[in-house]
Amino acid sequence: MKVLITGGAGFIGSHLTKKLSGIGNKVYVLDNLSTGKLSNISFLPKEQIFIENFEDKQFVEQLIKTYDFDYVIHLAAVVSVVETVDNPLKSHEVNVNATINLLESIRLYSNNIKK
């Protein structure tokens, strides 16, 4: 199965990526590396790693259209309380608006999505 994990280079995402890859799934990671690390997912082929901002609506839409994932696991977020307080608009853009854009892209363009 093809799985997209947003935030897949972070602590939780990288462990999930490793587990799902280890049981035969083809896992793709979308992460801007703001808190995640490329070294956390060094076992993945480079063509399965997308270092992009999750809030880039056009990129996410094209990713969903192109790969038609079976599963999408969404872990990307602004997780720092300090960042959220200091920049609430950016936090809202990533944590709310970008999540809605992801869900809408899946609804419109994903034929194989199971979860």
Protein backbone atom coordinates (compact mmCIF):
# COMPACT_ATOMS: atom_id res chain seq x y z
CA MET A 1 0.00 0.00 0.00
CA LYS A 2 1.02 3.60 -0.57
CA VAL A 3 1.02 5.73 2.56
CA LEU A 4 1.66 9.47 2.93
CA ILE A 5 2.79 10.68 6.33
CA THR A 6 2.80 14.43 6.79
CA GLY A 7 5.31 15.39 9.47
CA GLY A 8 6.98 12.04 8.85
CA ALA A 9 10.49 13.23 9.74
CA GLY A 10 9.52 14.17 13.29
CA PHE A 11 9.86 11.93 16.33
CA ILE A 12 6.51 10.13 16.11
CA GLY A 13 6.28 10.34 12.32
CA SER A 14 9.70 8.81 11.74
CA HIS A 15 8.97 5.86 14.02
CA LEU A 16 5.66 5.28 12.24
CA THR A 17 7.40 5.62 8.87
CA LYS A 18 9.96 3.01 9.86
CA LYS A 19 7.32 0.59 11.16
CA LEU A 20 5.05 0.89 8.13
CA SER A 21 8.00 0.63 5.72
CA GLY A 22 9.26 -2.41 7.59
CA ILE A 23 6.04 -4.32 7.01
CA GLY A 24 6.04 -3.77 3.26
CA ASN A 25 4.23 -0.49 2.70
CA LYS A 26 5.58 2.15 0.33
CA VAL A 27 5.76 5.20 2.60
CA TYR A 28 6.13 8.78 1.42
CA VAL A 29 6.97 11.62 3.78
CA LEU A 30 6.01 15.29 3.48
CA ASP A 31 7.91 17.43 5.98
CA ASN A 32 9.44 20.91 5.96
CA LEU A 33 12.05 19.84 8.54
CA SER A 34 11.18 22.70 10.87
CA THR A 35 11.23 20.27 13.80
CA GLY A 36 11.85 16.94 12.05
CA LYS A 37 15.21 15.68 10.82
CA LEU A 38 16.16 14.07 7.55
CA SER A 39 18.41 11.72 9.49
CA ASN A 40 15.29 10.30 11.17
CA ILE A 41 14.14 8.89 7.83
CA SER A 42 17.50 8.12 6.20
CA PHE A 43 16.25 4.59 5.41
CA LEU A 44 13.69 5.95 2.90
CA PRO A 45 14.62 6.42 -0.76
CA LYS A 46 15.02 10.12 -1.54
CA GLU A 47 12.24 9.99 -4.15
CA GLN A 48 9.78 9.18 -1.35
CA ILE A 49 10.69 12.27 0.68
CA PHE A 50 9.17 15.66 -0.07
CA ILE A 51 10.77 18.57 1.76
CA GLU A 52 8.03 21.13 1.32
CA ASN A 53 5.76 23.28 3.44
CA PHE A 54 2.55 21.45 4.21
CA GLU A 55 0.56 24.67 3.82
CA ASP A 56 1.52 24.88 0.11
CA LYS A 57 -1.94 24.05 -1.19
CA GLN A 58 -0.90 23.54 -4.82
CA PHE A 59 1.94 21.20 -3.87
CA VAL A 60 -0.26 19.09 -1.59
CA GLU A 61 -3.01 18.94 -4.20
CA GLN A 62 -0.55 17.81 -6.89
CA LEU A 63 0.96 15.23 -4.52
CA ILE A 64 -2.46 13.72 -3.83
CA LYS A 65 -3.36 13.72 -7.55
CA THR A 66 -0.06 12.18 -8.62
CA TYR A 67 0.34 9.39 -6.07
CA ASP A 68 -3.28 8.48 -5.23
CA PHE A 69 -2.36 7.18 -1.77
CA ASP A 70 -4.22 4.39 0.00
CA TYR A 71 -3.69 6.01 3.40
CA VAL A 72 -2.77 9.49 4.61
CA ILE A 73 -1.56 9.94 8.17
CA HIS A 74 -1.48 13.60 9.10
CA LEU A 75 1.06 14.54 11.76
CA ALA A 76 2.32 17.88 10.42
CA ALA A 77 1.67 20.79 12.77
CA VAL A 78 3.08 23.77 14.59
CA VAL A 79 3.67 22.00 17.88
CA SER A 80 5.47 24.65 19.88
CA VAL A 81 3.25 26.50 22.36
CA VAL A 82 5.66 29.44 22.25
CA GLU A 83 5.43 29.63 18.43
CA THR A 84 1.65 29.41 18.61
CA VAL A 85 1.46 32.28 21.10
CA ASP A 86 4.04 34.37 19.24
CA ASN A 87 2.55 33.78 15.81
CA PRO A 88 -1.09 32.64 16.07
CA LEU A 89 -1.87 33.38 12.42
CA LYS A 90 0.92 31.09 11.19
CA SER A 91 -0.16 28.43 13.66
CA HIS A 92 -3.75 28.65 12.42
CA GLU A 93 -2.61 28.52 8.79
CA VAL A 94 -0.68 25.29 9.36
CA ASN A 95 -2.81 23.55 11.97
CA VAL A 96 -6.26 24.41 10.61
CA ASN A 97 -6.28 25.78 7.08
CA ALA A 98 -3.63 23.43 5.69
CA THR A 99 -5.39 20.45 7.27
CA ILE A 100 -8.65 21.46 5.59
CA ASN A 101 -6.79 21.84 2.28
CA LEU A 102 -5.36 18.33 2.67
CA LEU A 103 -8.76 16.83 3.40
CA GLU A 104 -10.33 18.67 0.47
CA SER A 105 -7.58 17.50 -1.88
CA ILE A 106 -8.16 13.92 -0.77
CA ARG A 107 -11.92 14.30 -1.24
CA LEU A 108 -11.55 15.72 -4.73
CA TYR A 109 -8.62 13.80 -6.18
CA SER A 110 -8.01 10.52 -4.36
CA ASN A 111 -9.68 7.45 -5.81
CA ASN A 112 -8.00 4.80 -3.66
CA ILE A 113 -8.08 6.38 -0.22
CA LYS A 114 -9.09 3.97 2.51
CA LYS A 115 -8.49 6.09 5.62
